[in-house]
Amino acid sequence: MGRKQALEHYKVFNMKLEKSDQERLTTIMDHSEEYKNYADFFRSQIRKVFENLTLYAENELLKFQLKQKDREIETLIKTKNLEIEEKDRTIEELQKRLLERTIVPESSENDRKGHLKNFNRILELLFTDDWENTPERVKISLRPKITEKIFQLIELLNKALKKLENEEMNPEGGQNRSQEENLEEAEISTSDIYCKSS
């Protein structure tokens, strides 16, 4: 490798400016401190803008996170409400079934006493707090069945009245009939009502 070339001494160049240029350069140099202040001012303004942008971005992020939380809470509330509604429907259905068992006689009570017990149950149900505390939707579903049962009771009572009236008008005819025939007629009437109710 060759020897490094020694650096030459720098040369001083003298530039001769026009008078007008010289005046401009002098003006700039005189106001250099003022220009520096302007530069500092603009730098501070730019810094503030970036700080504001950062704060704005952080605020927007917080708003988005709050909206997400609100949606999660709203979804949770809807889910809980649906669960409560489902539980309420289940309770109402159980109440309805229990009251239906009160209205409709069981198979073991498929006789005259069973029907009379059934009508007593209906009357007890309607005139107690059980009916007052029953949800309206359950009442609406049970009213037709209860009404049908009451009409059946009225029909049975009408038949009983007619039977008594016939016996009063035909005392001899009523006496001539055997006790077994009267019992069979009563069983037929009650069995007809049971078939209609079921």
Protein backbone atom coordinates (compact mmCIF):
# COMPACT_ATOMS: atom_id res chain seq x y z
CA MET A 1 0.00 0.00 0.00
CA GLY A 2 1.23 3.46 -0.80
CA ARG A 3 1.75 6.15 1.70
CA LYS A 4 -1.19 8.29 2.64
CA GLN A 5 -1.18 11.57 0.96
CA ALA A 6 -0.72 14.43 3.38
CA LEU A 7 -3.71 16.74 3.67
CA GLU A 8 -3.18 20.16 2.37
CA HIS A 9 -3.95 23.20 4.43
CA TYR A 10 -7.48 24.50 3.80
CA LYS A 11 -7.71 27.40 1.59
CA VAL A 12 -9.55 30.50 2.49
CA PHE A 13 -11.90 31.73 -0.14
CA ASN A 14 -12.93 35.29 -0.04
CA MET A 15 -16.24 36.11 -1.65
CA LYS A 16 -17.07 39.58 -2.56
CA LEU A 17 -20.79 40.23 -2.28
CA GLU A 18 -22.77 42.85 -3.93
CA LYS A 19 -23.85 45.63 -1.70
CA SER A 20 -27.50 44.58 -1.80
CA ASP A 21 -26.60 40.96 -0.91
CA GLN A 22 -24.36 42.15 1.84
CA GLU A 23 -27.24 44.13 3.30
CA ARG A 24 -29.56 41.13 3.17
CA LEU A 25 -27.02 38.88 4.86
CA THR A 26 -26.48 41.47 7.55
CA THR A 27 -30.25 41.70 8.13
CA ILE A 28 -30.53 37.91 8.49
CA MET A 29 -27.63 37.79 10.91
CA ASP A 30 -29.10 40.63 12.94
CA HIS A 31 -32.44 38.77 13.20
CA SER A 32 -30.99 35.31 13.74
CA GLU A 33 -32.12 35.27 17.41
CA GLU A 34 -35.65 36.16 16.36
CA TYR A 35 -35.65 33.38 13.76
CA LYS A 36 -34.42 31.00 16.42
CA ASN A 37 -37.35 31.99 18.63
CA TYR A 38 -39.74 31.31 15.73
CA ALA A 39 -38.18 27.90 15.25
CA ASP A 40 -38.60 27.10 18.95
CA PHE A 41 -42.21 28.28 18.80
CA PHE A 42 -43.04 26.09 15.81
CA ARG A 43 -41.30 23.12 17.40
CA SER A 44 -43.38 23.58 20.56
CA GLN A 45 -46.57 23.85 18.48
CA ILE A 46 -45.73 20.68 16.59
CA ARG A 47 -44.99 18.94 19.89
CA LYS A 48 -48.40 20.03 21.23
CA VAL A 49 -50.14 18.77 18.11
CA PHE A 50 -48.53 15.35 18.51
CA GLU A 51 -49.39 15.29 22.21
CA ASN A 52 -53.01 16.18 21.40
CA LEU A 53 -53.13 13.48 18.75
CA THR A 54 -51.81 10.96 21.27
CA LEU A 55 -54.44 12.01 23.83
CA TYR A 56 -57.15 11.86 21.17
CA ALA A 57 -56.10 8.34 20.18
CA GLU A 58 -56.08 7.25 23.83
CA ASN A 59 -59.54 8.78 24.38
CA GLU A 60 -60.93 7.04 21.31
CA LEU A 61 -59.48 3.75 22.52
CA LEU A 62 -61.10 4.24 25.93
CA LYS A 63 -64.44 5.08 24.30
CA PHE A 64 -64.25 1.93 22.21
CA GLN A 65 -63.41 -0.17 25.27
CA LEU A 66 -66.34 1.39 27.19
CA LYS A 67 -68.71 0.59 24.32
CA GLN A 68 -67.46 -2.98 24.29
CA LYS A 69 -68.07 -3.24 28.05
CA ASP A 70 -71.56 -1.77 27.63
CA ARG A 71 -72.35 -4.35 24.94
CA GLU A 72 -71.07 -7.16 27.15
CA ILE A 73 -73.18 -5.95 30.09
CA GLU A 74 -76.24 -5.56 27.84
CA THR A 75 -75.78 -9.09 26.48
CA LEU A 76 -75.38 -10.43 30.02
CA ILE A 77 -78.56 -8.67 31.16
CA LYS A 78 -80.51 -10.05 28.17
CA THR A 79 -79.22 -13.54 28.91
CA LYS A 80 -80.22 -13.25 32.57
CA ASN A 81 -83.65 -11.90 31.60
CA LEU A 82 -84.17 -14.82 29.23
CA GLU A 83 -83.19 -17.25 31.98
CA ILE A 84 -85.64 -15.58 34.39
CA GLU A 85 -88.42 -15.66 31.78
CA GLU A 86 -87.74 -19.34 31.14
CA LYS A 87 -87.90 -20.07 34.88
CA ASP A 88 -91.15 -18.09 35.16
CA ARG A 89 -92.65 -20.06 32.27
CA THR A 90 -91.61 -23.33 33.92
CA ILE A 91 -93.18 -22.27 37.23
CA GLU A 92 -96.39 -21.19 35.47
CA GLU A 93 -96.55 -24.48 33.59
CA LEU A 94 -96.18 -26.42 36.84
CA GLN A 95 -98.88 -24.27 38.46
CA LYS A 96 -101.13 -24.88 35.49
CA ARG A 97 -100.64 -28.65 35.67
CA LEU A 98 -101.29 -28.64 39.41
CA LEU A 99 -104.51 -26.66 39.01
CA GLU A 100 -105.59 -28.84 36.09
CA ARG A 101 -105.26 -31.87 38.35
CA THR A 102 -107.52 -30.03 40.78
CA ILE A 103 -110.08 -29.38 38.05
CA VAL A 104 -110.01 -32.74 36.24
CA PRO A 105 -110.71 -35.78 38.45
CA GLU A 106 -108.20 -38.58 38.64
CA SER A 107 -109.02 -41.93 37.09
CA SER A 108 -109.45 -43.47 40.53
CA GLU A 109 -112.30 -41.03 41.15
CA ASN A 110 -114.30 -42.01 38.10
CA ASP A 111 -117.53 -42.34 40.04
CA ARG A 112 -120.28 -40.16 41.45
CA LYS A 113 -118.36 -39.25 44.59
CA GLY A 114 -115.33 -38.43 42.49
CA HIS A 115 -117.32 -35.94 40.38
CA LEU A 116 -118.78 -34.31 43.47
CA LYS A 117 -115.30 -34.02 44.97
CA ASN A 118 -114.16 -32.51 41.69
CA PHE A 119 -116.81 -29.78 41.80
CA ASN A 120 -115.97 -29.09 45.45
CA ARG A 121 -112.33 -28.65 44.44
CA ILE A 122 -113.27 -26.14 41.75
CA LEU A 123 -115.35 -24.10 44.20
CA GLU A 124 -112.59 -24.21 46.81
CA LEU A 125 -110.05 -23.15 44.20
CA LEU A 126 -112.09 -20.17 42.98
CA PHE A 127 -112.84 -18.85 46.47
CA THR A 128 -109.37 -19.15 48.01
CA ASP A 129 -106.09 -17.26 47.77
CA ASP A 130 -104.73 -19.95 45.45
CA TRP A 131 -106.75 -18.51 42.58
CA GLU A 132 -105.98 -14.90 43.49
CA ASN A 133 -102.25 -15.65 43.50
CA THR A 134 -102.37 -17.54 40.22
CA PRO A 135 -100.61 -15.76 37.30
CA GLU A 136 -103.00 -14.22 34.79
CA ARG A 137 -101.68 -16.30 31.88
CA VAL A 138 -102.42 -19.48 33.82
CA LYS A 139 -105.91 -18.19 34.66
CA ILE A 140 -106.60 -17.46 31.00
CA SER A 141 -105.65 -21.00 29.98
CA LEU A 142 -107.71 -22.59 32.79
CA ARG A 143 -110.89 -20.48 32.60
CA PRO A 144 -112.42 -22.41 29.66
CA LYS A 145 -111.93 -25.74 31.45
CA ILE A 146 -113.36 -24.40 34.71
CA THR A 147 -116.32 -22.86 32.86
CA GLU A 148 -116.98 -26.16 31.11
CA LYS A 149 -116.92 -27.99 34.44
CA ILE A 150 -119.33 -25.50 36.01
CA PHE A 151 -121.76 -25.91 33.09
CA GLN A 152 -121.51 -29.67 33.52
CA LEU A 153 -122.38 -29.24 37.19
CA ILE A 154 -125.37 -27.08 36.23
CA GLU A 155 -126.46 -29.74 33.74
CA LEU A 156 -126.16 -32.43 36.41
CA LEU A 157 -128.18 -30.33 38.87
CA ASN A 158 -130.87 -29.76 36.22
CA LYS A 159 -131.11 -33.49 35.66
CA ALA A 160 -131.43 -34.02 39.41
CA LEU A 161 -134.23 -31.42 39.58
CA LYS A 162 -136.08 -33.01 36.66
CA LYS A 163 -135.78 -36.38 38.31
CA LEU A 164 -137.29 -35.04 41.53
CA GLU A 165 -140.05 -33.25 39.59
CA ASN A 166 -140.92 -36.47 37.71
CA GLU A 167 -141.08 -38.39 40.98
CA GLU A 168 -143.39 -35.75 42.45
CA MET A 169 -145.65 -35.83 39.40
CA ASN A 170 -145.63 -39.65 39.15
CA PRO A 171 -145.20 -40.92 42.68
CA GLU A 172 -146.46 -44.37 41.74
CA GLY A 173 -144.16 -44.63 38.74
CA GLY A 174 -141.22 -43.62 40.85
CA GLN A 175 -142.04 -46.21 43.45
CA ASN A 176 -142.47 -48.97 40.88
CA ARG A 177 -138.96 -48.47 39.55
CA SER A 178 -136.38 -50.59 41.25
CA GLN A 179 -133.50 -49.15 43.22
CA GLU A 180 -131.04 -50.75 40.80
CA GLU A 181 -132.59 -48.90 37.80
CA ASN A 182 -132.31 -45.54 39.60
CA LEU A 183 -128.67 -46.29 40.47
CA GLU A 184 -127.85 -47.24 36.87
CA GLU A 185 -129.39 -43.98 35.57
CA ALA A 186 -127.32 -41.90 38.01
CA GLU A 187 -124.13 -43.72 37.04
CA ILE A 188 -124.84 -43.15 33.33
CA SER A 189 -125.34 -39.39 33.93
CA THR A 190 -122.10 -38.99 35.86
CA SER A 191 -120.15 -41.10 33.40
CA ASP A 192 -121.41 -38.91 30.52
CA ILE A 193 -120.13 -35.83 32.30
CA TYR A 194 -116.76 -37.45 32.94
CA CYS A 195 -116.40 -38.35 29.26
CA LYS A 196 -117.17 -34.75 28.24
CA SER A 197 -114.67 -33.34 30.73
CA SER A 198 -111.84 -35.61 29.64
